Amino acid sequence: MRFAPVALLLLSNVFMIYAWYGHLKDLRDQPIMLVIVFSWFVAFFEYCLQVPANRIGSQYFNLSQLKVMQEIITMVVFALFLTLYMRQKLTMDYLWASVCLVGAAFFMFRNLSFD
């Protein structure tokens, strides 16, 4: 059950990234109010996954660990979204930012035991 939050956060991030950035490709010519309502609709499903992920995750991780985990998952999902869906290239700056997050994860999880 410890890894259920990771799976839920991965799925929630797919919805979140699309709600935040998918409209730049798919709804480019639509009125902004329509885009906002559509993004809220998509974000609803993100929250349906993220809230349980945090609720379950809080049984195994502290809030700081959950936050760093969320950020790393966001960077991974965003990298896939950026390259596969938006057809844009990742830069070396993105790689360096990701390395910094790996460092953050190390410090947040270095004392975690998997008993």
Protein backbone atom coordinates (compact mmCIF):
# COMPACT_ATOMS: atom_id res chain seq x y z
CA MET A 1 0.00 0.00 0.00
CA ARG A 2 3.04 2.27 0.44
CA PHE A 3 3.39 2.65 -3.33
CA ALA A 4 -0.31 3.31 -4.01
CA PRO A 5 0.23 7.06 -3.51
CA VAL A 6 2.94 7.03 -6.19
CA ALA A 7 0.60 5.36 -8.68
CA LEU A 8 -2.25 7.72 -7.84
CA LEU A 9 0.03 10.76 -8.09
CA LEU A 10 1.30 9.59 -11.48
CA LEU A 11 -2.25 9.34 -12.78
CA SER A 12 -3.34 12.61 -11.20
CA ASN A 13 -0.42 14.37 -12.82
CA VAL A 14 -1.50 13.24 -16.27
CA PHE A 15 -4.77 15.10 -15.72
CA MET A 16 -3.07 18.07 -14.06
CA ILE A 17 -0.50 18.58 -16.81
CA TYR A 18 -3.17 18.31 -19.47
CA ALA A 19 -5.49 20.73 -17.62
CA TRP A 20 -2.67 23.26 -17.29
CA TYR A 21 -1.02 22.95 -20.69
CA GLY A 22 -3.08 20.79 -23.06
CA HIS A 23 -5.29 23.71 -24.04
CA LEU A 24 -2.25 25.43 -25.57
CA LYS A 25 -2.39 22.81 -28.30
CA ASP A 26 -5.99 21.60 -28.40
CA LEU A 27 -8.05 24.69 -27.53
CA ARG A 28 -5.76 27.40 -28.89
CA ASP A 29 -8.51 29.17 -30.83
CA GLN A 30 -11.26 28.84 -28.22
CA PRO A 31 -12.49 31.64 -25.94
CA ILE A 32 -10.62 31.79 -22.65
CA MET A 33 -13.75 31.16 -20.55
CA LEU A 34 -14.40 27.91 -22.41
CA VAL A 35 -10.78 26.90 -21.85
CA ILE A 36 -11.05 27.69 -18.13
CA VAL A 37 -14.22 25.62 -17.72
CA PHE A 38 -12.71 22.76 -19.70
CA SER A 39 -9.54 22.87 -17.57
CA TRP A 40 -11.61 22.82 -14.37
CA PHE A 41 -13.46 19.77 -15.68
CA VAL A 42 -10.17 17.96 -16.34
CA ALA A 43 -8.74 19.10 -13.00
CA PHE A 44 -11.71 17.53 -11.19
CA PHE A 45 -10.35 14.10 -12.13
CA GLU A 46 -6.89 15.12 -11.00
CA TYR A 47 -8.25 15.97 -7.56
CA CYS A 48 -10.19 12.69 -7.43
CA LEU A 49 -6.81 10.95 -7.61
CA GLN A 50 -4.54 13.40 -5.79
CA VAL A 51 -6.60 13.77 -2.62
CA PRO A 52 -6.70 10.00 -1.95
CA ALA A 53 -2.99 9.78 -2.87
CA ASN A 54 -2.15 12.33 -0.20
CA ARG A 55 -4.53 10.79 2.31
CA ILE A 56 -3.01 7.32 1.83
CA GLY A 57 0.50 8.69 1.49
CA SER A 58 0.30 10.56 4.79
CA GLN A 59 0.18 7.17 6.53
CA TYR A 60 3.65 6.36 5.23
CA PHE A 61 5.35 9.68 4.44
CA ASN A 62 5.52 13.10 6.07
CA LEU A 63 4.17 16.14 4.21
CA SER A 64 7.61 17.27 3.07
CA GLN A 65 8.27 13.86 1.55
CA LEU A 66 4.88 13.87 -0.17
CA LYS A 67 5.57 17.32 -1.63
CA VAL A 68 9.00 16.39 -3.00
CA MET A 69 7.54 13.15 -4.38
CA GLN A 70 4.79 15.16 -6.09
CA GLU A 71 7.32 17.53 -7.67
CA ILE A 72 9.48 14.72 -9.01
CA ILE A 73 6.45 12.94 -10.45
CA THR A 74 5.33 16.22 -12.01
CA MET A 75 8.70 16.69 -13.68
CA VAL A 76 8.64 13.14 -15.09
CA VAL A 77 5.07 13.40 -16.37
CA PHE A 78 5.71 16.87 -17.76
CA ALA A 79 8.84 15.68 -19.61
CA LEU A 80 6.80 12.93 -21.27
CA PHE A 81 3.96 15.33 -22.05
CA LEU A 82 6.35 17.92 -23.46
CA THR A 83 8.12 15.51 -25.77
CA LEU A 84 5.40 13.06 -26.75
CA TYR A 85 2.30 15.25 -26.84
CA MET A 86 3.50 18.80 -27.41
CA ARG A 87 6.40 17.66 -29.63
CA GLN A 88 8.92 19.98 -27.98
CA LYS A 89 12.49 19.17 -27.03
CA LEU A 90 13.82 18.86 -23.51
CA THR A 91 16.77 21.12 -22.79
CA MET A 92 19.83 20.58 -20.66
CA ASP A 93 18.35 23.08 -18.19
CA TYR A 94 15.46 20.67 -17.67
CA LEU A 95 17.97 17.90 -17.00
CA TRP A 96 19.84 20.01 -14.44
CA ALA A 97 16.59 21.01 -12.71
CA SER A 98 15.68 17.32 -12.53
CA VAL A 99 19.07 16.49 -11.01
CA CYS A 100 18.35 19.08 -8.32
CA LEU A 101 15.05 17.33 -7.56
CA VAL A 102 16.86 14.00 -7.28
CA GLY A 103 19.07 15.68 -4.67
CA ALA A 104 15.97 16.94 -2.87
CA ALA A 105 14.53 13.43 -2.89
CA PHE A 106 17.75 12.04 -1.44
CA PHE A 107 17.60 14.41 1.53
CA MET A 108 13.87 13.92 2.10
CA PHE A 109 13.93 10.12 1.96
CA ARG A 110 17.41 9.17 3.23
CA ASN A 111 16.11 8.10 6.65
CA LEU A 112 13.02 6.26 5.39
CA SER A 113 12.84 2.60 6.30
CA PHE A 114 10.79 0.09 4.35
CA ASP A 115 9.84 -2.11 7.30
